[in-house]
């Protein structure tokens, strides 16, 4: 019994440490995005656009090859979702660009 309690103690301490770390991360979250885009941010945004565009194209291609109408419908919806994500990212970038030109 004592050995079992001794094993549980480090687990409890680790869980408490994890909870404290999560609380600190939540406190450090930005409420508003910064007014600049770093090179790293731009690279990640470029990757997101590329991933969504590729997923959209692959879903469209797979839907065109598919004979089963239910599967085809799901693939088309998947492609449309990735297209919406792609367009949403672009709209955020355009808003950011527009607001930056107004600030200058």
N, C-alpha and C. Protein backbone atom coordinates (compact mmCIF):
# COMPACT_ATOMS: atom_id res chain seq x y z
N UNK A 1 0.82 -1.19 0.00
CA UNK A 1 0.00 0.00 0.00
C UNK A 1 0.87 1.26 0.00
N UNK A 2 1.90 1.27 0.85
CA UNK A 2 2.81 2.42 0.93
C UNK A 2 3.53 2.61 -0.40
N UNK A 3 3.94 1.52 -1.05
CA UNK A 3 4.64 1.59 -2.32
C UNK A 3 3.73 2.19 -3.40
N UNK A 4 2.45 1.85 -3.40
CA UNK A 4 1.49 2.37 -4.37
C UNK A 4 1.32 3.88 -4.18
N UNK A 5 1.25 4.33 -2.94
CA UNK A 5 1.12 5.76 -2.66
C UNK A 5 2.37 6.51 -3.11
N UNK A 6 3.54 5.90 -2.91
CA UNK A 6 4.79 6.52 -3.33
C UNK A 6 4.85 6.66 -4.85
N UNK A 7 4.26 5.73 -5.58
CA UNK A 7 4.25 5.80 -7.04
C UNK A 7 3.26 6.84 -7.53
N UNK A 8 2.17 7.04 -6.82
CA UNK A 8 1.16 8.01 -7.23
C UNK A 8 1.62 9.45 -7.00
N UNK A 9 2.46 9.68 -6.01
CA UNK A 9 2.89 11.02 -5.66
C UNK A 9 3.60 11.72 -6.82
N UNK A 10 4.59 11.10 -7.50
CA UNK A 10 5.23 11.79 -8.64
C UNK A 10 4.23 12.09 -9.76
N UNK A 11 3.27 11.21 -9.99
CA UNK A 11 2.27 11.44 -11.03
C UNK A 11 1.42 12.67 -10.69
N UNK A 12 1.04 12.80 -9.43
CA UNK A 12 0.24 13.95 -9.01
C UNK A 12 1.04 15.24 -9.16
N UNK A 13 2.31 15.19 -8.82
CA UNK A 13 3.15 16.37 -8.93
C UNK A 13 3.34 16.76 -10.40
N UNK A 14 3.49 15.78 -11.25
CA UNK A 14 3.64 16.03 -12.68
C UNK A 14 2.35 16.65 -13.25
N UNK A 15 1.19 16.15 -12.83
CA UNK A 15 -0.08 16.70 -13.30
C UNK A 15 -0.23 18.15 -12.85
N UNK A 16 0.15 18.44 -11.61
CA UNK A 16 0.07 19.81 -11.12
C UNK A 16 1.00 20.73 -11.91
N UNK A 17 2.17 20.23 -12.23
CA UNK A 17 3.12 21.00 -13.04
C UNK A 17 2.57 21.27 -14.42
N UNK A 18 1.93 20.27 -15.01
CA UNK A 18 1.34 20.44 -16.34
C UNK A 18 0.22 21.46 -16.30
N UNK A 19 -0.60 21.43 -15.25
CA UNK A 19 -1.70 22.38 -15.12
C UNK A 19 -1.17 23.81 -14.97
N UNK A 20 -0.10 23.98 -14.21
CA UNK A 20 0.50 25.31 -14.03
C UNK A 20 1.08 25.81 -15.35
N UNK A 21 1.70 24.92 -16.09
CA UNK A 21 2.28 25.29 -17.37
C UNK A 21 1.18 25.72 -18.35
N UNK A 22 0.07 25.00 -18.38
CA UNK A 22 -1.05 25.36 -19.25
C UNK A 22 -1.63 26.71 -18.86
N UNK A 23 -1.74 26.97 -17.57
CA UNK A 23 -2.28 28.25 -17.10
C UNK A 23 -1.37 29.39 -17.53
N UNK A 24 -0.07 29.20 -17.45
CA UNK A 24 0.87 30.24 -17.88
C UNK A 24 0.77 30.49 -19.37
N UNK A 25 0.62 29.42 -20.16
CA UNK A 25 0.50 29.58 -21.60
C UNK A 25 -0.77 30.34 -21.95
N UNK A 26 -1.85 30.08 -21.24
CA UNK A 26 -3.10 30.78 -21.51
C UNK A 26 -2.98 32.26 -21.16
N UNK A 27 -2.24 32.57 -20.12
CA UNK A 27 -2.06 33.96 -19.74
C UNK A 27 -1.24 34.72 -20.77
N UNK A 28 -0.34 34.03 -21.45
CA UNK A 28 0.55 34.67 -22.41
C UNK A 28 -0.05 34.77 -23.81
N UNK A 29 -1.29 34.30 -24.02
CA UNK A 29 -1.92 34.37 -25.33
C UNK A 29 -2.21 35.81 -25.69
N UNK A 30 -2.00 36.13 -26.96
CA UNK A 30 -2.31 37.47 -27.45
C UNK A 30 -3.81 37.60 -27.65
N UNK A 31 -4.35 38.72 -27.21
CA UNK A 31 -5.76 38.99 -27.41
C UNK A 31 -6.00 39.53 -28.82
N UNK A 32 -5.04 40.25 -29.36
CA UNK A 32 -5.10 40.81 -30.71
C UNK A 32 -3.83 40.40 -31.45
N UNK A 33 -3.94 40.14 -32.74
CA UNK A 33 -2.72 39.81 -33.48
C UNK A 33 -1.82 41.04 -33.61
N UNK A 34 -0.52 40.83 -33.73
CA UNK A 34 0.38 41.98 -33.86
C UNK A 34 0.16 42.68 -35.21
N UNK A 35 0.65 43.91 -35.32
CA UNK A 35 0.47 44.69 -36.54
C UNK A 35 1.51 44.37 -37.60
N UNK A 36 2.39 43.44 -37.33
CA UNK A 36 3.40 43.04 -38.31
C UNK A 36 3.33 41.54 -38.54
N UNK A 37 3.80 41.13 -39.69
CA UNK A 37 3.92 39.71 -39.99
C UNK A 37 5.40 39.41 -40.15
N UNK A 38 5.90 38.53 -39.32
CA UNK A 38 7.32 38.18 -39.39
C UNK A 38 7.57 37.25 -40.57
N UNK A 39 8.82 37.04 -40.87
CA UNK A 39 9.20 36.11 -41.94
C UNK A 39 8.70 34.71 -41.62
N UNK A 40 8.80 34.33 -40.36
CA UNK A 40 8.32 33.01 -39.94
C UNK A 40 6.81 32.92 -40.11
N UNK A 41 6.07 33.99 -39.73
CA UNK A 41 4.62 34.02 -39.92
C UNK A 41 4.27 33.87 -41.40
N UNK A 42 4.96 34.63 -42.24
CA UNK A 42 4.68 34.60 -43.68
C UNK A 42 4.94 33.21 -44.25
N UNK A 43 5.98 32.56 -43.78
CA UNK A 43 6.28 31.21 -44.23
C UNK A 43 5.19 30.23 -43.83
N UNK A 44 4.71 30.35 -42.59
CA UNK A 44 3.65 29.46 -42.11
C UNK A 44 2.34 29.73 -42.86
N UNK A 45 2.04 31.00 -43.11
CA UNK A 45 0.82 31.33 -43.87
C UNK A 45 0.91 30.76 -45.28
N UNK A 46 2.07 30.87 -45.88
CA UNK A 46 2.28 30.31 -47.22
C UNK A 46 2.06 28.80 -47.20
N UNK A 47 2.57 28.13 -46.17
CA UNK A 47 2.36 26.68 -46.03
C UNK A 47 0.88 26.35 -45.89
N UNK A 48 0.16 27.13 -45.06
CA UNK A 48 -1.28 26.87 -44.88
C UNK A 48 -2.03 27.00 -46.19
N UNK A 49 -1.70 28.04 -46.96
CA UNK A 49 -2.35 28.23 -48.25
C UNK A 49 -2.05 27.05 -49.17
N UNK A 50 -0.79 26.64 -49.22
CA UNK A 50 -0.40 25.53 -50.09
C UNK A 50 -1.08 24.23 -49.68
N UNK A 51 -1.15 23.95 -48.36
CA UNK A 51 -1.79 22.72 -47.89
C UNK A 51 -3.27 22.69 -48.25
N UNK A 52 -3.95 23.80 -48.05
CA UNK A 52 -5.38 23.86 -48.35
C UNK A 52 -5.62 23.76 -49.85
N UNK A 53 -4.79 24.41 -50.64
CA UNK A 53 -4.95 24.34 -52.09
C UNK A 53 -4.72 22.91 -52.59
N UNK A 54 -3.68 22.26 -52.08
CA UNK A 54 -3.40 20.89 -52.48
C UNK A 54 -4.52 19.94 -52.06
N UNK A 55 -5.00 20.09 -50.83
CA UNK A 55 -6.10 19.23 -50.34
C UNK A 55 -7.36 19.45 -51.17
N UNK A 56 -7.62 20.69 -51.55
CA UNK A 56 -8.78 21.01 -52.38
C UNK A 56 -8.65 20.33 -53.74
N UNK A 57 -7.49 20.43 -54.35
CA UNK A 57 -7.26 19.82 -55.66
C UNK A 57 -7.36 18.30 -55.60
N UNK A 58 -6.78 17.71 -54.56
CA UNK A 58 -6.83 16.24 -54.42
C UNK A 58 -8.25 15.75 -54.20
N UNK A 59 -9.02 16.45 -53.39
CA UNK A 59 -10.41 16.06 -53.14
C UNK A 59 -11.23 16.18 -54.42
N UNK A 60 -11.00 17.25 -55.17
CA UNK A 60 -11.72 17.44 -56.44
C UNK A 60 -11.37 16.32 -57.42
N UNK A 61 -10.09 15.99 -57.54
CA UNK A 61 -9.66 14.93 -58.44
C UNK A 61 -10.26 13.59 -58.03
N UNK A 62 -10.21 13.29 -56.74
CA UNK A 62 -10.76 12.02 -56.25
C UNK A 62 -12.26 11.95 -56.49
N UNK A 63 -12.96 13.07 -56.30
CA UNK A 63 -14.41 13.09 -56.53
C UNK A 63 -14.73 12.82 -58.00
N UNK A 64 -13.90 13.34 -58.91
CA UNK A 64 -14.13 13.13 -60.34
C UNK A 64 -13.92 11.66 -60.74
N UNK A 65 -13.08 10.97 -60.02
CA UNK A 65 -12.77 9.57 -60.33
C UNK A 65 -13.75 8.60 -59.66
N UNK A 66 -14.52 9.08 -58.73
CA UNK A 66 -15.35 8.22 -57.89
C UNK A 66 -16.66 7.84 -58.58
N UNK A 67 -17.07 6.58 -58.42
CA UNK A 67 -18.32 6.08 -58.99
C UNK A 67 -19.45 6.12 -57.96
N UNK A 68 -19.12 5.93 -56.70
CA UNK A 68 -20.12 5.91 -55.63
C UNK A 68 -20.54 7.35 -55.32
N UNK A 69 -21.82 7.66 -55.48
CA UNK A 69 -22.31 9.03 -55.32
C UNK A 69 -22.16 9.56 -53.88
N UNK A 70 -22.32 8.69 -52.90
CA UNK A 70 -22.17 9.14 -51.52
C UNK A 70 -20.73 9.53 -51.23
N UNK A 71 -19.80 8.72 -51.68
CA UNK A 71 -18.38 9.01 -51.48
C UNK A 71 -18.01 10.26 -52.27
N UNK A 72 -18.51 10.36 -53.47
CA UNK A 72 -18.24 11.53 -54.31
C UNK A 72 -18.73 12.80 -53.63
N UNK A 73 -19.91 12.75 -53.04
CA UNK A 73 -20.48 13.90 -52.35
C UNK A 73 -19.61 14.31 -51.16
N UNK A 74 -19.15 13.34 -50.40
CA UNK A 74 -18.29 13.63 -49.25
C UNK A 74 -16.97 14.26 -49.71
N UNK A 75 -16.40 13.73 -50.77
CA UNK A 75 -15.14 14.28 -51.29
C UNK A 75 -15.34 15.71 -51.79
N UNK A 76 -16.46 15.97 -52.44
CA UNK A 76 -16.74 17.33 -52.91
C UNK A 76 -16.89 18.29 -51.73
N UNK A 77 -17.56 17.85 -50.68
CA UNK A 77 -17.71 18.68 -49.49
C UNK A 77 -16.35 18.96 -48.84
N UNK A 78 -15.52 17.95 -48.83
CA UNK A 78 -14.17 18.10 -48.28
C UNK A 78 -13.38 19.14 -49.09
N UNK A 79 -13.45 19.04 -50.40
CA UNK A 79 -12.77 20.01 -51.25
C UNK A 79 -13.31 21.42 -51.05
N UNK A 80 -14.62 21.55 -50.90
CA UNK A 80 -15.23 22.86 -50.66
C UNK A 80 -14.79 23.44 -49.32
N UNK A 81 -14.65 22.57 -48.31
CA UNK A 81 -14.19 23.03 -47.00
C UNK A 81 -12.78 23.61 -47.12
N UNK A 82 -11.89 22.90 -47.82
CA UNK A 82 -10.52 23.39 -47.97
C UNK A 82 -10.49 24.68 -48.80
N UNK A 83 -11.39 24.79 -49.77
CA UNK A 83 -11.47 26.02 -50.55
C UNK A 83 -11.91 27.19 -49.66
N UNK A 84 -12.89 26.95 -48.79
CA UNK A 84 -13.32 28.01 -47.86
C UNK A 84 -12.18 28.42 -46.94
N UNK A 85 -11.41 27.45 -46.44
CA UNK A 85 -10.27 27.76 -45.58
C UNK A 85 -9.24 28.60 -46.33
N UNK A 86 -8.95 28.21 -47.56
CA UNK A 86 -8.00 28.94 -48.41
C UNK A 86 -8.47 30.38 -48.59
N UNK A 87 -9.74 30.55 -48.93
CA UNK A 87 -10.29 31.89 -49.16
C UNK A 87 -10.32 32.71 -47.87
N UNK A 88 -10.59 32.06 -46.75
CA UNK A 88 -10.62 32.76 -45.46
C UNK A 88 -9.23 33.29 -45.10
N UNK A 89 -8.21 32.48 -45.32
CA UNK A 89 -6.84 32.91 -45.05
C UNK A 89 -6.50 34.11 -45.93
N UNK A 90 -6.86 34.03 -47.21
CA UNK A 90 -6.61 35.15 -48.12
C UNK A 90 -7.34 36.41 -47.69
N UNK A 91 -8.58 36.26 -47.25
CA UNK A 91 -9.34 37.44 -46.81
C UNK A 91 -8.71 38.08 -45.58
N UNK A 92 -8.18 37.25 -44.67
CA UNK A 92 -7.49 37.80 -43.50
C UNK A 92 -6.25 38.59 -43.93
N UNK A 93 -5.53 38.04 -44.90
CA UNK A 93 -4.33 38.73 -45.38
C UNK A 93 -4.69 40.04 -46.07
N UNK A 94 -5.78 40.04 -46.84
CA UNK A 94 -6.20 41.26 -47.52
C UNK A 94 -6.67 42.31 -46.52
N UNK A 95 -7.39 41.89 -45.47
CA UNK A 95 -7.80 42.83 -44.42
C UNK A 95 -6.58 43.42 -43.74
N UNK A 96 -5.61 42.58 -43.45
CA UNK A 96 -4.37 43.01 -42.80
C UNK A 96 -3.64 44.02 -43.68
N UNK A 97 -3.56 43.72 -44.97
CA UNK A 97 -2.87 44.61 -45.90
C UNK A 97 -3.61 45.95 -45.99
N UNK A 98 -4.94 45.89 -46.04
CA UNK A 98 -5.75 47.10 -46.14
C UNK A 98 -5.59 47.95 -44.88
N UNK A 99 -5.63 47.33 -43.71
CA UNK A 99 -5.49 48.09 -42.47
C UNK A 99 -4.09 48.68 -42.33
N UNK A 100 -3.08 47.97 -42.82
CA UNK A 100 -1.71 48.49 -42.74
C UNK A 100 -1.54 49.70 -43.66
N UNK A 101 -2.17 49.69 -44.83
CA UNK A 101 -2.04 50.86 -45.73
C UNK A 101 -2.77 52.07 -45.15
N UNK A 102 -3.86 51.82 -44.41
CA UNK A 102 -4.58 52.92 -43.77
C UNK A 102 -3.77 53.54 -42.63
N UNK A 103 -2.98 52.71 -41.95
CA UNK A 103 -2.20 53.18 -40.80
C UNK A 103 -1.00 54.01 -41.25
N UNK A 104 -0.53 53.82 -42.47
CA UNK A 104 0.69 54.52 -42.93
C UNK A 104 0.43 55.89 -43.37
